[in-house]
Amino acid sequence: MKKLITLLMLLSLVMPSSAYGTDGARKKKYPGGKTYMYRVELKDKTGTPYSLARPEDYLSVKSLDRRRRQGLQVDSTDLPINPAYISAVSSDGVEVVSRSKWNNTLLVRCKQPERVRQLLSLPFVKSVRKVWTSPDSVSAVSSRMKYHTEFNRWDTVAQNYYGVTREQVEMIGGVRMHNHGFTGKGITIAVLDGGFMNTDLIPCLQNVNILGWEDFVVPKSKSVFKEMEHGTKVLSVMAVKVPYTFVGTSPDAAYWLLRCEDETGESLAEEDYWAAAAEFADSVGVDIISSSLGFHDFDDSSFNYEYAQLDGHTALISATASMLASKGIVLVNSAGNDGMSSWKKINVPADAHDILTVGAVSPNMRNAAFSSVGPTADNRVKPDIMALGSPASVITGRGTIIKDMGTSFSTPVVSGMVACLWQALRDKTALEIIDLVRRCSDNYSTPDNIYGYGVPDFWRAYVMGRQQNRSK
């Protein structure tokens, strides 16, 4: 399955397969010959030069302020990995290419697997697991799409300020929130995705407050803006503001664009990329992570997850996601598009604890048939909530407006409105915001594992939050 939660199977009916960089795409031999990556789990952080008494050495002021505002303490998971351990692991022929301080793991790359196995003799190494093997060939270097500098005349909806996005914003109480000045201002959102094609060039995205971008995929791309357009679509749902044509759910929020999906294959290493991106997002002080990614099967089928493993802790990506609320961050993650497949269930990290897992509904507020279902293996309700994703209006990497289907796009609809809610209720913690969003949803009293707690009304969540504050 493709990890980007969008309905590629439907697109394949109208687009040539080369559009996905698979059959028909230009291929080249994998550069550098046969290569492997391993996840090295460490036993401890003994001897680290970093201290819980000086968190400013490894976390930004903004990250620390977020924790203080929510009454959260820095703990041992926040301490960077001992540099001496990293140096010892970086032996001849073994390169450390990524790391996760929360999980105390290193991702290493090598050409000779026996060199990595020798790491088990180090007293601080707990385990070593292969997570990636290089393919024989890869697609040629990605190139820019041609893009439009103007929308088509028929995209303008003169009678409505929101234009083509009115339905997806209005369905969850967004119009009323915006009318009261809650548009995401002062909130920072990290978008974790596979690429942001032409986001730096498309005119309607030039006024988006983009704080920066990073690439966590190994090897890094020369430009995240030359990679796939999926992230551009996701960002547009939240960030674009073109009155009477296209208005997103949080046009005044600030954004970090983080690439952590490798389009060339499906491997466990992408969980390490995601974890590194999430920890970076924490370190620079984001409030919300919007992630339209999910996993359950891989190129090497021996790595495939079983349903019993969807407990929010077994997968490294889910264990990482389950920590985010304790760091003061709200994760909004797509449920997946496997509702019509033999798998049917949510993917990881949609099984994580203390996040908002988003399914998709159609305009009549019925769940989309493709939207993945729960429960988790430990019997928690999933998805948490629903939003319009069958279809949603998005802007492509070509700068055009289209209708697209998938929980990939219902997710940023929600992410943007979480930003608006948190702007309005800045004193709330991440856990309190998550609880409010569930409580304001139309199926809260009788949640199930198809529709979850239902479609949220963010204006109602705001009112509930105000009432809670007055009753304190």
Protein backbone atom coordinates (compact mmCIF):
# COMPACT_ATOMS: atom_id res chain seq x y z
CA MET A 1 0.00 0.00 0.00
CA LYS A 2 1.11 3.57 -0.54
CA LYS A 3 1.75 5.28 2.76
CA LEU A 4 0.56 8.68 1.59
CA ILE A 5 -3.11 8.49 2.47
CA THR A 6 -4.64 9.50 -0.84
CA LEU A 7 -6.63 7.45 -3.28
CA LEU A 8 -3.96 6.66 -5.84
CA MET A 9 -6.01 3.70 -7.02
CA LEU A 10 -8.70 6.10 -8.18
CA LEU A 11 -6.21 8.46 -9.77
CA SER A 12 -4.71 5.56 -11.70
CA LEU A 13 -7.93 5.39 -13.69
CA VAL A 14 -7.29 8.81 -15.19
CA MET A 15 -3.49 9.23 -15.01
CA PRO A 16 -0.67 7.20 -16.54
CA SER A 17 1.28 5.03 -14.14
CA SER A 18 4.42 7.07 -14.79
CA ALA A 19 2.77 9.86 -12.80
CA TYR A 20 3.57 7.84 -9.70
CA GLY A 21 7.19 7.22 -10.56
CA THR A 22 6.52 3.46 -10.90
CA ASP A 23 5.82 1.58 -14.14
CA GLY A 24 6.80 3.66 -17.12
CA ALA A 25 8.96 6.11 -15.18
CA ARG A 26 12.60 6.49 -16.14
CA LYS A 27 14.82 4.27 -14.00
CA LYS A 28 18.48 4.32 -13.11
CA LYS A 29 20.74 1.97 -11.22
CA TYR A 30 20.75 2.65 -7.49
CA PRO A 31 23.73 4.96 -6.88
CA GLY A 32 26.54 3.58 -4.75
CA GLY A 33 25.70 -0.10 -5.07
CA LYS A 34 23.97 -2.38 -2.58
CA THR A 35 23.38 -0.58 0.72
CA TYR A 36 21.55 -1.41 3.96
CA MET A 37 20.13 0.55 6.87
CA TYR A 38 19.71 -0.69 10.43
CA ARG A 39 17.96 0.65 13.51
CA VAL A 40 20.33 0.49 16.48
CA GLU A 41 18.55 0.62 19.84
CA LEU A 42 20.65 1.89 22.75
CA LYS A 43 20.33 0.85 26.39
CA ASP A 44 20.76 4.21 28.09
CA LYS A 45 22.03 7.79 27.89
CA THR A 46 24.70 7.37 30.53
CA GLY A 47 27.49 9.92 30.28
CA THR A 48 25.60 12.39 28.12
CA PRO A 49 26.99 15.93 28.46
CA TYR A 50 23.45 17.30 28.32
CA SER A 51 21.43 18.06 31.42
CA LEU A 52 17.75 18.36 32.34
CA ALA A 53 18.82 21.50 34.22
CA ARG A 54 19.85 23.17 30.94
CA PRO A 55 17.19 22.27 28.36
CA GLU A 56 17.95 25.46 26.44
CA ASP A 57 21.03 23.64 25.11
CA TYR A 58 18.85 21.34 22.97
CA LEU A 59 15.36 22.88 22.83
CA SER A 60 14.30 26.26 21.48
CA VAL A 61 12.80 28.98 23.64
CA LYS A 62 9.53 28.43 21.82
CA SER A 63 9.56 24.71 22.63
CA LEU A 64 10.28 25.38 26.31
CA ASP A 65 7.59 28.06 26.47
CA ARG A 66 5.06 25.59 25.09
CA ARG A 67 5.92 23.12 27.83
CA ARG A 68 5.84 25.75 30.60
CA ARG A 69 2.46 27.05 29.42
CA GLN A 70 1.03 23.54 29.78
CA GLY A 71 2.81 22.68 33.02
CA LEU A 72 4.98 20.01 31.38
CA GLN A 73 8.46 19.05 32.49
CA VAL A 74 11.45 18.18 30.34
CA ASP A 75 12.36 14.53 30.99
CA SER A 76 15.04 11.99 30.10
CA THR A 77 13.52 11.29 26.68
CA ASP A 78 14.30 14.90 25.74
CA LEU A 79 18.02 14.47 26.41
CA PRO A 80 20.02 14.08 23.18
CA ILE A 81 21.74 10.75 22.58
CA ASN A 82 25.20 10.54 24.12
CA PRO A 83 27.64 11.88 21.46
CA ALA A 84 30.21 9.33 22.61
CA TYR A 85 27.78 6.52 21.71
CA ILE A 86 27.21 8.06 18.27
CA SER A 87 30.95 8.29 17.73
CA ALA A 88 31.49 4.67 18.78
CA VAL A 89 28.72 3.42 16.46
CA SER A 90 30.18 5.44 13.57
CA SER A 91 32.89 2.86 13.00
CA ASP A 92 34.64 2.15 9.73
CA GLY A 93 32.00 1.53 7.08
CA VAL A 94 29.03 2.45 9.32
CA GLU A 95 27.42 5.87 8.96
CA VAL A 96 24.85 7.32 11.37
CA VAL A 97 22.22 8.95 9.12
CA SER A 98 19.39 9.67 11.58
CA ARG A 99 18.61 9.52 15.28
CA SER A 100 15.70 9.55 17.72
CA LYS A 101 16.38 10.77 21.24
CA TRP A 102 12.85 9.91 22.40
CA ASN A 103 13.33 6.26 21.38
CA ASN A 104 17.10 6.26 22.02
CA THR A 105 17.78 4.84 18.57
CA LEU A 106 20.19 5.48 15.73
CA LEU A 107 19.63 4.78 12.04
CA VAL A 108 22.85 3.64 10.40
CA ARG A 109 23.79 2.93 6.79
CA CYS A 110 26.43 0.51 5.53
CA LYS A 111 27.42 -1.74 2.65
CA GLN A 112 28.65 -4.65 4.76
CA PRO A 113 26.03 -6.00 7.18
CA GLU A 114 28.61 -7.83 9.26
CA ARG A 115 30.04 -4.49 10.38
CA VAL A 116 26.67 -3.53 11.87
CA ARG A 117 26.26 -6.87 13.59
CA GLN A 118 29.57 -6.22 15.33
CA LEU A 119 27.89 -3.28 17.07
CA LEU A 120 26.11 -5.77 19.33
CA SER A 121 29.39 -6.22 21.15
CA LEU A 122 29.24 -2.61 22.36
CA PRO A 123 28.01 -2.56 25.98
CA PHE A 124 25.44 0.20 25.37
CA VAL A 125 23.81 -1.37 22.29
CA LYS A 126 20.55 -3.18 23.06
CA SER A 127 19.50 -4.42 19.63
CA VAL A 128 20.12 -4.07 15.89
CA ARG A 129 17.38 -4.49 13.28
CA LYS A 130 17.58 -4.18 9.51
CA VAL A 131 14.97 -1.70 8.26
CA TRP A 132 15.97 -1.02 4.65
CA THR A 133 17.72 -2.62 1.69
CA SER A 134 18.51 -0.57 -1.37
CA PRO A 135 16.52 -1.42 -4.51
CA ASP A 136 18.29 -2.46 -7.69
CA SER A 137 17.07 0.68 -9.46
CA VAL A 138 15.28 3.93 -8.69
CA SER A 139 13.37 6.54 -10.65
CA ALA A 140 15.36 9.31 -12.25
CA VAL A 141 15.75 12.58 -10.36
CA SER A 142 12.40 14.31 -9.91
CA SER A 143 11.82 17.52 -11.81
CA ARG A 144 9.56 20.52 -11.50
CA MET A 145 5.99 20.37 -12.73
CA LYS A 146 4.89 23.23 -14.91
CA TYR A 147 2.53 25.41 -12.90
CA HIS A 148 -0.20 27.98 -13.49
CA THR A 149 0.17 31.54 -12.25
CA GLU A 150 -3.60 32.16 -12.18
CA PHE A 151 -6.71 30.19 -11.35
CA ASN A 152 -9.34 29.53 -13.99
CA ARG A 153 -12.16 32.07 -14.09
CA TRP A 154 -14.70 29.40 -13.21
CA ASP A 155 -12.88 28.68 -9.92
CA THR A 156 -14.11 31.99 -8.50
CA VAL A 157 -17.34 31.75 -6.49
CA ALA A 158 -18.42 35.38 -6.38
CA GLN A 159 -21.26 34.84 -3.91
CA ASN A 160 -19.16 33.18 -1.19
CA TYR A 161 -15.96 34.35 0.50
CA TYR A 162 -14.64 30.77 0.84
CA GLY A 163 -15.14 29.85 -2.80
CA VAL A 164 -14.66 26.13 -3.44
CA THR A 165 -13.65 25.38 0.17
CA ARG A 166 -16.88 26.62 1.76
CA GLU A 167 -18.29 23.15 2.35
CA GLN A 168 -15.21 21.65 4.04
CA VAL A 169 -14.72 24.69 6.29
CA GLU A 170 -18.37 25.20 7.15
CA MET A 171 -19.04 21.52 7.94
CA ILE A 172 -16.89 21.67 11.08
CA GLY A 173 -17.82 25.15 12.32
CA GLY A 174 -14.88 26.90 10.71
CA VAL A 175 -16.71 29.86 9.20
CA ARG A 176 -18.05 30.96 12.56
CA MET A 177 -14.61 30.60 14.15
CA HIS A 178 -13.04 32.71 11.40
CA ASN A 179 -15.75 35.35 11.72
CA HIS A 180 -14.72 35.80 15.35
CA GLY A 181 -11.08 36.32 14.40
CA PHE A 182 -9.80 32.82 15.06
CA THR A 183 -7.75 32.00 11.95
CA GLY A 184 -4.72 30.27 13.46
CA LYS A 185 -2.68 33.37 14.19
CA GLY A 186 0.11 32.70 16.68
CA ILE A 187 -0.02 28.90 16.16
CA THR A 188 2.69 26.88 14.39
CA ILE A 189 1.90 23.74 12.40
CA ALA A 190 4.43 21.21 11.10
CA VAL A 191 3.35 19.39 7.93
CA LEU A 192 4.96 15.94 7.70
CA ASP A 193 4.77 14.69 4.13
CA GLY A 194 6.64 13.42 1.06
CA GLY A 195 7.21 16.60 -0.93
CA PHE A 196 5.96 20.10 -1.56
CA MET A 197 6.10 20.48 -5.33
CA ASN A 198 6.29 24.15 -6.39
CA THR A 199 5.15 25.48 -3.02
CA ASP A 200 7.94 28.05 -3.34
CA LEU A 201 6.64 29.24 -6.73
CA ILE A 202 2.84 28.93 -6.93
CA PRO A 203 1.48 32.48 -6.47
CA CYS A 204 -1.35 31.64 -4.05
CA LEU A 205 1.20 30.08 -1.65
CA GLN A 206 3.57 33.05 -1.57
CA ASN A 207 1.72 34.73 1.28
CA VAL A 208 1.78 31.62 3.49
CA ASN A 209 3.91 32.11 6.61
CA ILE A 210 6.45 29.32 6.03
CA LEU A 211 9.07 29.36 8.78
CA GLY A 212 11.32 26.80 7.12
CA TRP A 213 11.67 23.31 5.71
CA GLU A 214 13.78 20.25 6.37
CA ASP A 215 14.33 16.87 4.73
CA PHE A 216 14.72 13.72 6.86
CA VAL A 217 14.76 11.16 4.07
CA VAL A 218 18.04 9.34 3.35
CA PRO A 219 19.50 10.47 1.02
CA LYS A 220 18.11 13.98 1.15
CA SER A 221 16.49 15.55 -1.88
CA LYS A 222 18.15 18.52 -3.52
CA SER A 223 14.86 20.37 -2.93
CA VAL A 224 11.65 19.46 -1.11
CA PHE A 225 9.94 21.72 -3.66
CA LYS A 226 10.89 19.36 -6.50
CA GLU A 227 9.45 16.31 -4.80
CA MET A 228 5.88 14.99 -5.01
CA GLU A 229 2.88 17.33 -4.85
CA HIS A 230 1.06 15.57 -2.02
CA GLY A 231 2.37 17.95 0.63
CA THR A 232 1.42 20.94 -1.51
CA LYS A 233 -2.17 19.71 -1.58
CA VAL A 234 -2.20 19.13 2.17
CA LEU A 235 -0.71 22.55 2.93
CA SER A 236 -3.19 24.31 0.65
CA VAL A 237 -6.17 22.96 2.61
CA MET A 238 -4.95 24.87 5.68
CA ALA A 239 -2.87 27.80 4.48
CA VAL A 240 -4.16 29.36 1.25
CA LYS A 241 -6.16 32.56 1.39
CA VAL A 242 -7.62 33.73 -1.91
CA PRO A 243 -11.03 35.25 -1.10
CA TYR A 244 -13.95 34.08 -3.24
CA THR A 245 -11.78 31.31 -4.68
CA PHE A 246 -10.02 29.23 -2.00
CA VAL A 247 -9.68 29.87 1.76
CA GLY A 248 -8.04 27.31 4.03
CA THR A 249 -8.92 26.43 7.61
CA SER A 250 -5.93 28.24 9.20
CA PRO A 251 -4.62 30.87 6.78
CA ASP A 252 -2.87 32.90 9.49
CA ALA A 253 -0.94 30.05 11.13
CA ALA A 254 2.81 29.58 10.62
CA TYR A 255 4.18 26.43 8.99
CA TRP A 256 7.20 24.14 8.95
CA LEU A 257 7.40 21.83 5.91
CA LEU A 258 9.09 18.54 6.83
CA ARG A 259 9.77 15.80 4.28
CA CYS A 260 9.91 12.32 5.83
CA GLU A 261 8.35 10.06 3.17
CA ASP A 262 10.49 8.30 0.56
CA GLU A 263 8.34 7.89 -2.52
CA THR A 264 10.70 5.32 -4.06
CA GLY A 265 9.81 2.50 -1.70
CA GLU A 266 8.10 1.22 1.44
CA SER A 267 10.41 0.46 4.35
CA LEU A 268 10.60 0.54 8.14
CA ALA A 269 13.27 3.24 7.82
CA GLU A 270 10.50 5.71 7.05
CA GLU A 271 9.30 5.32 10.63
CA ASP A 272 12.74 6.56 11.70
CA TYR A 273 12.44 9.50 9.30
CA TRP A 274 9.01 10.35 10.74
CA ALA A 275 10.30 10.16 14.31
CA ALA A 276 13.22 12.46 13.46
CA ALA A 277 10.82 14.93 11.85
CA ALA A 278 8.46 14.88 14.84
CA GLU A 279 11.33 15.48 17.26
CA PHE A 280 12.60 18.34 15.11
CA ALA A 281 9.10 19.82 15.13
CA ASP A 282 9.11 19.63 18.92
CA SER A 283 12.57 21.20 19.17
CA VAL A 284 11.58 24.28 17.14
CA GLY A 285 8.37 24.77 19.10
CA VAL A 286 5.50 23.72 16.87
CA ASP A 287 2.05 23.39 18.42
CA ILE A 288 0.42 20.98 15.95
CA ILE A 289 1.67 18.26 13.62
CA SER A 290 -0.44 17.46 10.57
CA SER A 291 0.56 14.07 9.18
CA SER A 292 -1.16 12.40 6.25
CA LEU A 293 1.07 9.32 6.40
CA GLY A 294 0.44 5.75 7.44
CA PHE A 295 2.00 2.29 7.23
CA HIS A 296 1.10 -1.35 7.53
CA ASP A 297 2.81 -3.19 4.67
CA PHE A 298 6.25 -2.87 3.14
CA ASP A 299 8.35 -3.91 0.15
CA ASP A 300 9.78 -6.63 2.41
CA SER A 301 6.61 -8.37 3.56
CA SER A 302 8.37 -9.83 6.61
CA PHE A 303 8.12 -6.33 8.11
CA ASN A 304 4.34 -6.10 7.63
CA TYR A 305 2.28 -5.26 10.69
CA GLU A 306 -0.42 -7.51 12.04
CA TYR A 307 -3.60 -6.12 13.54
CA ALA A 308 -2.55 -7.27 17.03
CA GLN A 309 0.36 -4.83 16.84
CA LEU A 310 -1.86 -1.76 16.47
CA ASP A 311 -1.67 -0.89 20.17
CA GLY A 312 -0.09 2.56 19.95
CA HIS A 313 3.27 1.35 21.24
CA THR A 314 4.60 -1.56 19.16
CA ALA A 315 5.50 0.38 16.01
CA LEU A 316 8.31 2.89 16.55
CA ILE A 317 6.29 5.54 14.72
CA SER A 318 3.28 4.95 17.00
CA ALA A 319 5.38 4.98 20.15
CA THR A 320 6.77 8.33 19.01
CA ALA A 321 3.32 9.67 18.17
CA SER A 322 2.01 8.60 21.58
CA MET A 323 4.60 10.86 23.25
CA LEU A 324 3.61 14.05 21.45
CA ALA A 325 0.80 15.20 23.75
CA SER A 326 3.13 14.80 26.73
CA LYS A 327 5.42 17.28 24.97
CA GLY A 328 2.51 19.68 24.49
CA ILE A 329 1.86 18.94 20.79
CA VAL A 330 -1.41 17.89 19.16
CA LEU A 331 -0.88 15.30 16.41
CA VAL A 332 -3.60 15.14 13.77
CA ASN A 333 -3.04 12.01 11.65
CA SER A 334 -4.98 10.44 8.81
CA ALA A 335 -6.78 7.16 9.47
CA GLY A 336 -5.94 5.62 6.10
CA ASN A 337 -7.79 4.64 2.95
CA ASP A 338 -8.05 0.88 3.42
CA GLY A 339 -11.75 0.65 4.17
CA MET A 340 -12.41 -1.20 0.91
CA SER A 341 -9.28 -3.35 1.01
CA SER A 342 -8.73 -6.67 2.75
CA TRP A 343 -6.85 -4.83 5.55
CA LYS A 344 -9.69 -2.36 6.30
CA LYS A 345 -8.09 -1.10 9.50
CA ILE A 346 -6.30 2.10 10.41
CA ASN A 347 -2.55 2.24 9.86
CA VAL A 348 0.29 3.24 12.16
CA PRO A 349 0.67 5.84 13.66
CA ALA A 350 -3.11 6.31 13.55
CA ASP A 351 -3.26 3.77 16.40
CA ALA A 352 -1.31 6.07 18.74
CA HIS A 353 -2.60 7.24 22.11
CA ASP A 354 -3.61 10.86 22.72
CA ILE A 355 -3.83 12.01 19.10
CA LEU A 356 -6.65 12.92 16.72
CA THR A 357 -7.04 10.25 14.04
CA VAL A 358 -9.16 11.59 11.17
CA GLY A 359 -11.42 9.65 8.84
CA ALA A 360 -13.25 10.98 5.79
CA VAL A 361 -16.91 11.71 5.10
CA SER A 362 -18.82 12.75 2.00
CA PRO A 363 -20.86 15.99 1.77
CA ASN A 364 -23.89 14.23 3.30
CA MET A 365 -21.70 13.52 6.38
CA ARG A 366 -21.71 9.77 5.77
CA ASN A 367 -18.41 7.97 6.18
CA ALA A 368 -16.56 7.38 2.93
CA ALA A 369 -16.34 3.69 2.03
CA PHE A 370 -12.56 3.94 1.65
CA SER A 371 -11.98 5.46 5.10
CA SER A 372 -10.10 3.04 7.39
CA VAL A 373 -11.81 1.76 10.51
CA GLY A 374 -10.90 0.76 14.07
CA PRO A 375 -10.72 -0.20 16.79
CA THR A 376 -7.10 -0.39 17.89
CA ALA A 377 -5.79 -3.75 19.04
CA ASP A 378 -6.31 -2.64 22.65
CA ASN A 379 -9.91 -1.69 21.83
CA ARG A 380 -9.73 2.11 21.74
CA VAL A 381 -12.15 3.97 19.46
CA LYS A 382 -10.65 4.85 16.09
CA PRO A 383 -10.95 6.97 14.08
CA ASP A 384 -11.41 9.79 16.56
CA ILE A 385 -13.23 12.23 14.29
CA MET A 386 -14.33 12.78 10.69
CA ALA A 387 -14.16 15.63 8.17
CA LEU A 388 -14.85 16.15 4.48
CA GLY A 389 -12.50 14.09 2.34
CA SER A 390 -14.74 12.50 -0.26
CA PRO A 391 -13.89 14.78 -1.92
CA ALA A 392 -12.08 17.87 -0.59
CA SER A 393 -10.88 20.89 -2.54
CA VAL A 394 -7.08 21.15 -2.82
CA ILE A 395 -4.46 23.01 -4.83
CA THR A 396 -2.07 20.82 -6.79
CA GLY A 397 1.63 21.23 -7.49
CA ARG A 398 0.55 22.62 -10.84
CA GLY A 399 -1.23 25.48 -9.11
CA THR A 400 -4.70 24.27 -10.12
CA ILE A 401 -7.75 23.62 -7.95
CA ILE A 402 -9.12 20.09 -8.01
CA LYS A 403 -11.36 17.84 -5.94
CA ASP A 404 -9.36 15.01 -4.41
CA MET A 405 -10.32 12.08 -2.22
CA GLY A 406 -8.69 10.62 0.85
CA THR A 407 -8.16 10.95 4.56
CA SER A 408 -4.99 12.78 3.52
CA PHE A 409 -7.18 15.82 2.94
CA SER A 410 -9.77 15.50 5.68
CA THR A 411 -6.78 15.57 8.06
CA PRO A 412 -5.51 19.09 7.27
CA VAL A 413 -9.09 20.38 7.32
CA VAL A 414 -9.06 19.37 10.99
CA SER A 415 -5.45 20.40 11.67
CA GLY A 416 -6.18 23.95 10.61
CA MET A 417 -9.25 24.19 12.79
CA VAL A 418 -7.34 22.80 15.78
CA ALA A 419 -5.01 25.78 15.28
CA CYS A 420 -7.97 28.17 15.32
CA LEU A 421 -9.36 26.55 18.47
CA TRP A 422 -6.00 26.71 20.25
CA GLN A 423 -5.60 30.35 19.27
CA ALA A 424 -8.95 31.02 20.93
CA LEU A 425 -8.19 28.89 24.01
CA ARG A 426 -4.47 29.44 24.43
CA ASP A 427 -4.48 28.33 28.07
CA LYS A 428 -5.53 24.77 27.19
CA THR A 429 -3.12 21.85 27.13
CA ALA A 430 -2.73 19.51 24.17
CA LEU A 431 -4.73 16.83 25.98
CA GLU A 432 -7.50 19.31 26.78
CA ILE A 433 -7.70 20.43 23.14
CA ILE A 434 -7.94 16.80 21.98
CA ASP A 435 -10.69 16.13 24.51
CA LEU A 436 -12.65 19.22 23.46
CA VAL A 437 -12.54 18.23 19.79
CA ARG A 438 -13.90 14.79 20.60
CA ARG A 439 -16.58 16.16 22.93
CA CYS A 440 -17.90 18.63 20.36
CA SER A 441 -18.40 15.92 17.73
CA ASP A 442 -21.84 14.73 16.70
CA ASN A 443 -21.39 11.07 17.70
CA TYR A 444 -19.70 11.66 21.05
CA SER A 445 -22.39 9.97 23.13
CA THR A 446 -22.31 6.76 21.06
CA PRO A 447 -18.87 6.48 19.42
CA ASP A 448 -18.14 3.59 17.08
CA ASN A 449 -15.20 2.37 15.05
CA ILE A 450 -16.43 3.55 11.67
CA TYR A 451 -17.51 7.13 12.40
CA GLY A 452 -15.59 7.56 15.65
CA TYR A 453 -16.84 10.43 17.79
CA GLY A 454 -18.18 11.98 14.59
CA VAL A 455 -17.86 15.29 12.78
CA PRO A 456 -16.66 18.04 15.14
CA ASP A 457 -18.15 21.52 15.48
CA PHE A 458 -15.21 23.73 16.42
CA TRP A 459 -17.42 26.65 17.41
CA ARG A 460 -19.12 24.36 19.90
CA ALA A 461 -15.67 23.26 21.14
CA TYR A 462 -14.76 26.91 21.69
CA VAL A 463 -17.95 27.56 23.65
CA MET A 464 -17.38 24.44 25.76
CA GLY A 465 -13.80 25.54 26.44
CA ARG A 466 -14.96 29.00 27.53
CA GLN A 467 -17.50 27.46 29.88
CA GLN A 468 -14.83 25.22 31.39
CA ASN A 469 -12.64 28.24 32.04
CA ARG A 470 -15.46 30.13 33.76
CA SER A 471 -16.24 27.16 36.01
CA LYS A 472 -12.67 26.86 37.28
